[in-house]
């Protein structure tokens, strides 16, 4: 009766209590989503059973059960850490990928993407393998992504060099990078209709210029005939770049945003 009286005489619920309950509910919901379909789900069910037994031992004279649970609980924490270390890592990784933390990691991921693209372009250039890699900026490229084969994979040197191997079905077309992930490959891009382009520019170069004329994306092109690396920005083609020069221009375009406010220039940069 005393406990019932204490429950009935609790103070009024404030907004802080509501916020507290909502936060705990959100944490429980996210935890259940993470462990759903894993072996941790059985562990959670067992933990609930142990808690029920513990509270029953407090309500009723179950001294042996209470002693056993208090003794075992000392070692349960260490057992959980050892048995479910992979699930714990996955949960912490999921928490770190939340939108709030993702904002601070965006620049670092963009820098990693630039490194992978520059390294892949250098390798493809040496092997004289044609490639067209488009990196989305502010204006979305959803229409062009839907024209290709969806991938949704992490940007890596190995993936990019594999996509453009002549023996693969994905090499003919563009690979589009969105949010530092390879969204799709074998995508179709619009060709430029600008007059006065060099006759030696192929379909990949014209597609890169055509796309960047319509939006703020940047496009990396590797020539199959000459092994030449080019970068298309705002309809202008920067040709004969080394991997180091490509890396610097991508950093300027994606991290420092220097090309966004640049004035319109000729479609093809003069030869050096």
C-alpha atoms as a PDB file:
ATOM      1  CA  UNK A   1       0.000   0.000   0.000  1.00  0.00           C
ATOM      2  CA  UNK A   2       2.845   2.385   0.759  1.00  0.00           C
ATOM      3  CA  UNK A   3       4.257   1.933  -2.754  1.00  0.00           C
ATOM      4  CA  UNK A   4       0.818   2.511  -4.266  1.00  0.00           C
ATOM      5  CA  UNK A   5       0.448   5.701  -2.241  1.00  0.00           C
ATOM      6  CA  UNK A   6       3.865   6.892  -3.398  1.00  0.00           C
ATOM      7  CA  UNK A   7       2.892   6.309  -7.033  1.00  0.00           C
ATOM      8  CA  UNK A   8      -0.361   8.238  -6.625  1.00  0.00           C
ATOM      9  CA  UNK A   9       1.341  11.169  -4.867  1.00  0.00           C
ATOM     10  CA  UNK A  10       4.013  11.782  -7.515  1.00  0.00           C
ATOM     11  CA  UNK A  11       4.599  15.421  -8.567  1.00  0.00           C
ATOM     12  CA  UNK A  12       3.084  16.836 -11.761  1.00  0.00           C
ATOM     13  CA  UNK A  13       4.596  15.833 -15.092  1.00  0.00           C
ATOM     14  CA  UNK A  14       6.617  18.652 -16.685  1.00  0.00           C
ATOM     15  CA  UNK A  15       7.857  19.216 -20.216  1.00  0.00           C
ATOM     16  CA  UNK A  16      11.265  17.952 -19.123  1.00  0.00           C
ATOM     17  CA  UNK A  17       9.665  14.661 -18.120  1.00  0.00           C
ATOM     18  CA  UNK A  18       8.039  14.380 -21.537  1.00  0.00           C
ATOM     19  CA  UNK A  19      11.354  15.110 -23.292  1.00  0.00           C
ATOM     20  CA  UNK A  20      13.086  12.582 -21.054  1.00  0.00           C
ATOM     21  CA  UNK A  21      10.548   9.886 -21.926  1.00  0.00           C
ATOM     22  CA  UNK A  22      10.740  10.669 -25.644  1.00  0.00           C
ATOM     23  CA  UNK A  23      14.552  10.448 -25.646  1.00  0.00           C
ATOM     24  CA  UNK A  24      14.531   7.114 -23.832  1.00  0.00           C
ATOM     25  CA  UNK A  25      11.839   5.810 -26.193  1.00  0.00           C
ATOM     26  CA  UNK A  26      13.920   6.887 -29.194  1.00  0.00           C
ATOM     27  CA  UNK A  27      17.007   5.151 -27.819  1.00  0.00           C
ATOM     28  CA  UNK A  28      15.060   1.948 -27.185  1.00  0.00           C
ATOM     29  CA  UNK A  29      13.549   2.098 -30.685  1.00  0.00           C
ATOM     30  CA  UNK A  30      16.948   2.562 -32.350  1.00  0.00           C
ATOM     31  CA  UNK A  31      18.422  -0.251 -30.252  1.00  0.00           C
ATOM     32  CA  UNK A  32      15.608  -2.606 -31.282  1.00  0.00           C
ATOM     33  CA  UNK A  33      16.155  -1.702 -34.966  1.00  0.00           C
ATOM     34  CA  UNK A  34      19.859  -2.491 -34.669  1.00  0.00           C
ATOM     35  CA  UNK A  35      19.410  -5.895 -33.016  1.00  0.00           C
ATOM     36  CA  UNK A  36      16.412  -6.995 -35.081  1.00  0.00           C
ATOM     37  CA  UNK A  37      17.236 -10.155 -37.007  1.00  0.00           C
ATOM     38  CA  UNK A  38      20.529 -10.726 -35.148  1.00  0.00           C
ATOM     39  CA  UNK A  39      21.547 -13.039 -32.335  1.00  0.00           C
ATOM     40  CA  UNK A  40      21.444 -10.038 -29.987  1.00  0.00           C
ATOM     41  CA  UNK A  41      17.651 -10.248 -30.167  1.00  0.00           C
ATOM     42  CA  UNK A  42      17.689 -13.512 -28.207  1.00  0.00           C
ATOM     43  CA  UNK A  43      20.084 -11.921 -25.726  1.00  0.00           C
ATOM     44  CA  UNK A  44      17.693  -9.007 -25.251  1.00  0.00           C
ATOM     45  CA  UNK A  45      14.780 -11.387 -24.630  1.00  0.00           C
ATOM     46  CA  UNK A  46      16.837 -13.268 -22.043  1.00  0.00           C
ATOM     47  CA  UNK A  47      17.782 -10.001 -20.338  1.00  0.00           C
ATOM     48  CA  UNK A  48      14.132  -9.015 -20.064  1.00  0.00           C
ATOM     49  CA  UNK A  49      13.375 -12.386 -18.439  1.00  0.00           C
ATOM     50  CA  UNK A  50      16.193 -11.907 -15.926  1.00  0.00           C
ATOM     51  CA  UNK A  51      14.899  -8.436 -15.020  1.00  0.00           C
ATOM     52  CA  UNK A  52      11.387  -9.802 -14.510  1.00  0.00           C
ATOM     53  CA  UNK A  53      12.765 -12.494 -12.191  1.00  0.00           C
ATOM     54  CA  UNK A  54      14.799  -9.909 -10.303  1.00  0.00           C
ATOM     55  CA  UNK A  55      11.774  -7.680  -9.624  1.00  0.00           C
ATOM     56  CA  UNK A  56       9.711 -10.732  -8.655  1.00  0.00           C
ATOM     57  CA  UNK A  57      12.399 -11.651  -6.149  1.00  0.00           C
ATOM     58  CA  UNK A  58      12.024  -8.171  -4.628  1.00  0.00           C
ATOM     59  CA  UNK A  59       8.236  -8.411  -4.400  1.00  0.00           C
ATOM     60  CA  UNK A  60       8.145 -11.980  -3.081  1.00  0.00           C
ATOM     61  CA  UNK A  61      10.439 -13.806  -0.625  1.00  0.00           C
ATOM     62  CA  UNK A  62      12.608 -15.422  -3.303  1.00  0.00           C
ATOM     63  CA  UNK A  63      15.947 -14.988  -1.578  1.00  0.00           C
ATOM     64  CA  UNK A  64      17.800 -17.647  -3.550  1.00  0.00           C
ATOM     65  CA  UNK A  65      16.726 -16.200  -6.911  1.00  0.00           C
ATOM     66  CA  UNK A  66      17.712 -12.673  -5.808  1.00  0.00           C
ATOM     67  CA  UNK A  67      21.142 -13.878  -4.632  1.00  0.00           C
ATOM     68  CA  UNK A  68      21.752 -15.796  -7.876  1.00  0.00           C
ATOM     69  CA  UNK A  69      20.823 -12.854 -10.082  1.00  0.00           C
ATOM     70  CA  UNK A  70      22.965 -10.395  -8.087  1.00  0.00           C
ATOM     71  CA  UNK A  71      25.910 -12.783  -8.319  1.00  0.00           C
ATOM     72  CA  UNK A  72      25.567 -13.435 -12.048  1.00  0.00           C
ATOM     73  CA  UNK A  73      24.956  -9.812 -13.071  1.00  0.00           C
ATOM     74  CA  UNK A  74      28.506  -8.896 -12.048  1.00  0.00           C
ATOM     75  CA  UNK A  75      29.870 -11.007 -14.910  1.00  0.00           C
ATOM     76  CA  UNK A  76      27.093 -10.410 -17.466  1.00  0.00           C
ATOM     77  CA  UNK A  77      28.523  -7.047 -18.589  1.00  0.00           C
ATOM     78  CA  UNK A  78      31.887  -8.604 -19.491  1.00  0.00           C
ATOM     79  CA  UNK A  79      30.180 -11.525 -21.228  1.00  0.00           C
ATOM     80  CA  UNK A  80      28.076  -9.154 -23.351  1.00  0.00           C
ATOM     81  CA  UNK A  81      31.150  -7.150 -24.419  1.00  0.00           C
ATOM     82  CA  UNK A  82      33.004 -10.321 -25.469  1.00  0.00           C
ATOM     83  CA  UNK A  83      30.105 -12.075 -27.189  1.00  0.00           C
ATOM     84  CA  UNK A  84      28.588  -9.083 -28.954  1.00  0.00           C
ATOM     85  CA  UNK A  85      31.594  -6.907 -29.780  1.00  0.00           C
ATOM     86  CA  UNK A  86      30.722  -6.903 -33.503  1.00  0.00           C
ATOM     87  CA  UNK A  87      27.144  -5.789 -32.777  1.00  0.00           C
ATOM     88  CA  UNK A  88      28.428  -3.063 -30.449  1.00  0.00           C
ATOM     89  CA  UNK A  89      30.780  -1.791 -33.163  1.00  0.00           C
ATOM     90  CA  UNK A  90      27.914  -1.755 -35.641  1.00  0.00           C
ATOM     91  CA  UNK A  91      25.716   0.194 -33.209  1.00  0.00           C
ATOM     92  CA  UNK A  92      28.406   2.803 -32.566  1.00  0.00           C
ATOM     93  CA  UNK A  93      29.068   3.090 -36.297  1.00  0.00           C
ATOM     94  CA  UNK A  94      25.349   3.632 -36.900  1.00  0.00           C
ATOM     95  CA  UNK A  95      25.312   6.354 -34.232  1.00  0.00           C
ATOM     96  CA  UNK A  96      28.324   8.044 -35.797  1.00  0.00           C
ATOM     97  CA  UNK A  97      26.627   8.095 -39.200  1.00  0.00           C
ATOM     98  CA  UNK A  98      23.662  10.114 -37.896  1.00  0.00           C
ATOM     99  CA  UNK A  99      22.999  13.381 -39.797  1.00  0.00           C
ATOM    100  CA  UNK A 100      24.426  15.519 -36.989  1.00  0.00           C
ATOM    101  CA  UNK A 101      27.808  13.779 -37.095  1.00  0.00           C
ATOM    102  CA  UNK A 102      27.689  13.237 -40.853  1.00  0.00           C
ATOM    103  CA  UNK A 103      27.907  17.002 -41.380  1.00  0.00           C
ATOM    104  CA  UNK A 104      31.339  17.146 -39.743  1.00  0.00           C
ATOM    105  CA  UNK A 105      32.618  14.072 -41.619  1.00  0.00           C
ATOM    106  CA  UNK A 106      31.516  15.308 -45.064  1.00  0.00           C
ATOM    107  CA  UNK A 107      34.721  17.242 -45.845  1.00  0.00           C
ATOM    108  CA  UNK A 108      36.891  14.307 -44.783  1.00  0.00           C
ATOM    109  CA  UNK A 109      34.898  11.881 -46.955  1.00  0.00           C
ATOM    110  CA  UNK A 110      35.095  14.287 -49.895  1.00  0.00           C
ATOM    111  CA  UNK A 111      38.883  14.409 -49.528  1.00  0.00           C
ATOM    112  CA  UNK A 112      39.009  10.598 -49.530  1.00  0.00           C
ATOM    113  CA  UNK A 113      36.825  10.513 -52.648  1.00  0.00           C
ATOM    114  CA  UNK A 114      39.185  12.915 -54.411  1.00  0.00           C
ATOM    115  CA  UNK A 115      42.176  10.716 -53.556  1.00  0.00           C
ATOM    116  CA  UNK A 116      40.484   7.580 -54.877  1.00  0.00           C
ATOM    117  CA  UNK A 117      39.346   9.280 -58.101  1.00  0.00           C
ATOM    118  CA  UNK A 118      42.785  10.787 -58.760  1.00  0.00           C
ATOM    119  CA  UNK A 119      44.533   7.457 -58.150  1.00  0.00           C
ATOM    120  CA  UNK A 120      42.090   5.585 -60.402  1.00  0.00           C
ATOM    121  CA  UNK A 121      42.451   8.196 -63.158  1.00  0.00           C
ATOM    122  CA  UNK A 122      46.233   7.889 -62.990  1.00  0.00           C
ATOM    123  CA  UNK A 123      46.121   4.100 -63.333  1.00  0.00           C
ATOM    124  CA  UNK A 124      43.567   4.209 -66.166  1.00  0.00           C
ATOM    125  CA  UNK A 125      45.659   6.846 -67.940  1.00  0.00           C
ATOM    126  CA  UNK A 126      48.785   4.671 -67.850  1.00  0.00           C
ATOM    127  CA  UNK A 127      46.851   1.686 -69.178  1.00  0.00           C
ATOM    128  CA  UNK A 128      45.064   3.860 -71.798  1.00  0.00           C
ATOM    129  CA  UNK A 129      41.645   2.743 -70.632  1.00  0.00           C
ATOM    130  CA  UNK A 130      38.834   5.191 -71.339  1.00  0.00           C
ATOM    131  CA  UNK A 131      36.796   6.447 -68.394  1.00  0.00           C
ATOM    132  CA  UNK A 132      34.206   9.075 -67.488  1.00  0.00           C
ATOM    133  CA  UNK A 133      33.637   9.843 -63.794  1.00  0.00           C
ATOM    134  CA  UNK A 134      31.079  12.486 -62.778  1.00  0.00           C
ATOM    135  CA  UNK A 135      30.970  13.979 -59.284  1.00  0.00           C
ATOM    136  CA  UNK A 136      27.728  15.632 -58.201  1.00  0.00           C
ATOM    137  CA  UNK A 137      27.790  18.951 -56.340  1.00  0.00           C
ATOM    138  CA  UNK A 138      24.755  21.085 -55.482  1.00  0.00           C
ATOM    139  CA  UNK A 139      22.523  20.283 -58.474  1.00  0.00           C
ATOM    140  CA  UNK A 140      21.157  16.746 -58.384  1.00  0.00           C
ATOM    141  CA  UNK A 141      21.863  14.208 -61.136  1.00  0.00           C
ATOM    142  CA  UNK A 142      19.006  11.823 -60.406  1.00  0.00           C
ATOM    143  CA  UNK A 143      17.789  11.695 -64.018  1.00  0.00           C
ATOM    144  CA  UNK A 144      21.205  10.603 -65.241  1.00  0.00           C
ATOM    145  CA  UNK A 145      21.675   8.133 -62.363  1.00  0.00           C
ATOM    146  CA  UNK A 146      18.398   6.426 -63.291  1.00  0.00           C
ATOM    147  CA  UNK A 147      19.648   5.949 -66.864  1.00  0.00           C
ATOM    148  CA  UNK A 148      22.467   3.681 -65.679  1.00  0.00           C
ATOM    149  CA  UNK A 149      22.935   0.595 -63.521  1.00  0.00           C
ATOM    150  CA  UNK A 150      22.570   1.358 -59.773  1.00  0.00           C
ATOM    151  CA  UNK A 151      25.494   0.454 -57.523  1.00  0.00           C
ATOM    152  CA  UNK A 152      25.364   2.544 -54.315  1.00  0.00           C
ATOM    153  CA  UNK A 153      28.894   1.541 -53.306  1.00  0.00           C
ATOM    154  CA  UNK A 154      31.769   3.192 -51.488  1.00  0.00           C
ATOM    155  CA  UNK A 155      34.142   5.111 -53.765  1.00  0.00           C
ATOM    156  CA  UNK A 156      37.386   3.180 -54.101  1.00  0.00           C
ATOM    157  CA  UNK A 157      40.309   2.887 -56.482  1.00  0.00           C
ATOM    158  CA  UNK A 158      39.579  -0.808 -57.063  1.00  0.00           C
ATOM    159  CA  UNK A 159      35.904  -0.236 -57.876  1.00  0.00           C
ATOM    160  CA  UNK A 160      36.533   2.611 -60.325  1.00  0.00           C
ATOM    161  CA  UNK A 161      39.299   0.800 -62.192  1.00  0.00           C
ATOM    162  CA  UNK A 162      37.145  -2.330 -62.396  1.00  0.00           C
ATOM    163  CA  UNK A 163      34.103  -0.484 -63.747  1.00  0.00           C
ATOM    164  CA  UNK A 164      35.980   0.837 -66.780  1.00  0.00           C
ATOM    165  CA  UNK A 165      37.755  -2.355 -67.765  1.00  0.00           C
ATOM    166  CA  UNK A 166      36.783  -3.051 -71.424  1.00  0.00           C
ATOM    167  CA  UNK A 167      35.760  -6.591 -70.499  1.00  0.00           C
ATOM    168  CA  UNK A 168      33.014  -5.407 -68.102  1.00  0.00           C
ATOM    169  CA  UNK A 169      29.453  -4.464 -69.034  1.00  0.00           C
ATOM    170  CA  UNK A 170      29.678  -1.158 -67.126  1.00  0.00           C
ATOM    171  CA  UNK A 171      32.607   0.472 -68.941  1.00  0.00           C
ATOM    172  CA  UNK A 172      30.526   2.108 -71.689  1.00  0.00           C
ATOM    173  CA  UNK A 173      29.062   5.199 -70.054  1.00  0.00           C
ATOM    174  CA  UNK A 174      29.666   7.388 -67.016  1.00  0.00           C
ATOM    175  CA  UNK A 175      30.059   6.494 -63.358  1.00  0.00           C
ATOM    176  CA  UNK A 176      28.263   9.053 -61.185  1.00  0.00           C
ATOM    177  CA  UNK A 177      29.341   9.805 -57.611  1.00  0.00           C
ATOM    178  CA  UNK A 178      26.716  11.179 -55.211  1.00  0.00           C
ATOM    179  CA  UNK A 179      27.349  11.945 -51.545  1.00  0.00           C
ATOM    180  CA  UNK A 180      30.786  10.333 -51.824  1.00  0.00           C
ATOM    181  CA  UNK A 181      29.295   7.038 -53.083  1.00  0.00           C
ATOM    182  CA  UNK A 182      29.230   5.542 -56.567  1.00  0.00           C
ATOM    183  CA  UNK A 183      25.501   5.835 -57.236  1.00  0.00           C
ATOM    184  CA  UNK A 184      25.455   4.211 -60.692  1.00  0.00           C
ATOM    185  CA  UNK A 185      27.573   3.245 -63.694  1.00  0.00           C
ATOM    186  CA  UNK A 186      26.977   3.000 -67.440  1.00  0.00           C
ATOM    187  CA  UNK A 187      24.968   6.245 -67.276  1.00  0.00           C
ATOM    188  CA  UNK A 188      24.036   8.225 -70.409  1.00  0.00           C
ATOM    189  CA  UNK A 189      24.950  11.930 -70.497  1.00  0.00           C
ATOM    190  CA  UNK A 190      23.955  14.709 -72.918  1.00  0.00           C
ATOM    191  CA  UNK A 191      26.497  15.626 -75.605  1.00  0.00           C
ATOM    192  CA  UNK A 192      27.557  19.221 -76.061  1.00  0.00           C
ATOM    193  CA  UNK A 193      26.444  21.098 -79.173  1.00  0.00           C
ATOM    194  CA  UNK A 194      29.056  23.811 -78.715  1.00  0.00           C
ATOM    195  CA  UNK A 195      30.888  24.579 -81.982  1.00  0.00           C
ATOM    196  CA  UNK A 196      34.631  24.993 -82.276  1.00  0.00           C
ATOM    197  CA  UNK A 197      35.679  21.926 -80.307  1.00  0.00           C
ATOM    198  CA  UNK A 198      38.801  20.029 -81.293  1.00  0.00           C
ATOM    199  CA  UNK A 199      38.164  17.211 -83.731  1.00  0.00           C
ATOM    200  CA  UNK A 200      40.134  14.795 -81.591  1.00  0.00           C
ATOM    201  CA  UNK A 201      37.639  15.047 -78.748  1.00  0.00           C
ATOM    202  CA  UNK A 202      35.638  11.842 -78.448  1.00  0.00           C
ATOM    203  CA  UNK A 203      32.203  11.032 -77.108  1.00  0.00           C
ATOM    204  CA  UNK A 204      33.353  10.936 -73.483  1.00  0.00           C
ATOM    205  CA  UNK A 205      34.790  14.457 -73.680  1.00  0.00           C
ATOM    206  CA  UNK A 206      31.702  15.823 -75.413  1.00  0.00           C
ATOM    207  CA  UNK A 207      29.453  14.165 -72.827  1.00  0.00           C
ATOM    208  CA  UNK A 208      31.537  15.631 -69.987  1.00  0.00           C
ATOM    209  CA  UNK A 209      31.322  19.125 -71.488  1.00  0.00           C
ATOM    210  CA  UNK A 210      27.616  18.698 -72.245  1.00  0.00           C
ATOM    211  CA  UNK A 211      26.752  17.707 -68.676  1.00  0.00           C
ATOM    212  CA  UNK A 212      28.812  20.425 -67.031  1.00  0.00           C
ATOM    213  CA  UNK A 213      27.196  23.016 -69.296  1.00  0.00           C
ATOM    214  CA  UNK A 214      23.830  22.127 -67.744  1.00  0.00           C
ATOM    215  CA  UNK A 215      24.783  21.777 -64.066  1.00  0.00           C
ATOM    216  CA  UNK A 216      27.568  22.397 -61.536  1.00  0.00           C
ATOM    217  CA  UNK A 217      28.911  18.826 -61.550  1.00  0.00           C
ATOM    218  CA  UNK A 218      32.536  18.088 -62.416  1.00  0.00           C
ATOM    219  CA  UNK A 219      33.567  15.310 -64.804  1.00  0.00           C
ATOM    220  CA  UNK A 220      36.883  13.467 -65.025  1.00  0.00           C
ATOM    221  CA  UNK A 221      37.688  12.039 -68.473  1.00  0.00           C
ATOM    222  CA  UNK A 222      40.449   9.601 -69.415  1.00  0.00           C
ATOM    223  CA  UNK A 223      41.112   9.319 -73.142  1.00  0.00           C
ATOM    224  CA  UNK A 224      41.288   5.794 -74.493  1.00  0.00           C
ATOM    225  CA  UNK A 225      43.462   6.766 -77.481  1.00  0.00           C
ATOM    226  CA  UNK A 226      46.018   9.039 -75.772  1.00  0.00           C
ATOM    227  CA  UNK A 227      45.681   8.156 -72.085  1.00  0.00           C
ATOM    228  CA  UNK A 228      45.085  11.857 -71.450  1.00  0.00           C
ATOM    229  CA  UNK A 229      43.384  13.011 -68.232  1.00  0.00           C
ATOM    230  CA  UNK A 230      40.919  15.896 -68.543  1.00  0.00           C
ATOM    231  CA  UNK A 231      38.571  17.676 -66.167  1.00  0.00           C
ATOM    232  CA  UNK A 232      35.328  19.332 -67.283  1.00  0.00           C
ATOM    233  CA  UNK A 233      33.987  22.154 -65.094  1.00  0.00           C
ATOM    234  CA  UNK A 234      31.188  24.541 -66.102  1.00  0.00           C
ATOM    235  CA  UNK A 235      31.474  23.518 -69.740  1.00  0.00           C
ATOM    236  CA  UNK A 236      35.218  24.093 -69.873  1.00  0.00           C
ATOM    237  CA  UNK A 237      37.637  21.220 -70.477  1.00  0.00           C
ATOM    238  CA  UNK A 238      41.021  21.270 -68.731  1.00  0.00           C
ATOM    239  CA  UNK A 239      43.231  18.890 -70.681  1.00  0.00           C
ATOM    240  CA  UNK A 240      46.515  17.016 -70.271  1.00  0.00           C
ATOM    241  CA  UNK A 241      46.462  16.907 -66.480  1.00  0.00           C
ATOM    242  CA  UNK A 242      48.701  14.790 -64.320  1.00  0.00           C
ATOM    243  CA  UNK A 243      47.113  12.890 -61.392  1.00  0.00           C
ATOM    244  CA  UNK A 244      48.562  15.504 -59.025  1.00  0.00           C
ATOM    245  CA  UNK A 245      47.098  18.378 -61.055  1.00  0.00           C
ATOM    246  CA  UNK A 246      43.758  16.577 -61.199  1.00  0.00           C
ATOM    247  CA  UNK A 247      43.809  16.155 -57.433  1.00  0.00           C
ATOM    248  CA  UNK A 248      44.479  19.866 -56.924  1.00  0.00           C
ATOM    249  CA  UNK A 249      41.708  20.970 -59.292  1.00  0.00           C
ATOM    250  CA  UNK A 250      39.216  18.567 -57.706  1.00  0.00           C
ATOM    251  CA  UNK A 251      40.088  19.908 -54.263  1.00  0.00           C
ATOM    252  CA  UNK A 252      39.504  23.436 -55.533  1.00  0.00           C
ATOM    253  CA  UNK A 253      36.173  22.497 -57.097  1.00  0.00           C
ATOM    254  CA  UNK A 254      34.775  20.230 -54.377  1.00  0.00           C
ATOM    255  CA  UNK A 255      36.330  21.495 -51.143  1.00  0.00           C
ATOM    256  CA  UNK A 256      37.082  25.174 -51.810  1.00  0.00           C
ATOM    257  CA  UNK A 257      34.287  25.711 -54.383  1.00  0.00           C
ATOM    258  CA  UNK A 258      36.509  27.986 -56.464  1.00  0.00           C
ATOM    259  CA  UNK A 259      34.918  27.125 -59.813  1.00  0.00           C
ATOM    260  CA  UNK A 260      31.373  27.966 -58.731  1.00  0.00           C
ATOM    261  CA  UNK A 261      31.826  31.692 -59.029  1.00  0.00           C
ATOM    262  CA  UNK A 262      34.227  31.619 -61.957  1.00  0.00           C
ATOM    263  CA  UNK A 263      33.348  33.561 -65.084  1.00  0.00           C
ATOM    264  CA  UNK A 264      32.429  31.651 -68.261  1.00  0.00           C
ATOM    265  CA  UNK A 265      35.463  30.681 -70.316  1.00  0.00           C
ATOM    266  CA  UNK A 266      36.145  28.960 -73.634  1.00  0.00           C
ATOM    267  CA  UNK A 267      34.989  25.371 -73.910  1.00  0.00           C
ATOM    268  CA  UNK A 268      38.505  23.972 -74.223  1.00  0.00           C
ATOM    269  CA  UNK A 269      41.534  25.170 -72.314  1.00  0.00           C
ATOM    270  CA  UNK A 270      44.397  26.205 -74.637  1.00  0.00           C
ATOM    271  CA  UNK A 271      47.097  23.601 -75.129  1.00  0.00           C
ATOM    272  CA  UNK A 272      50.236  24.014 -73.098  1.00  0.00           C
END
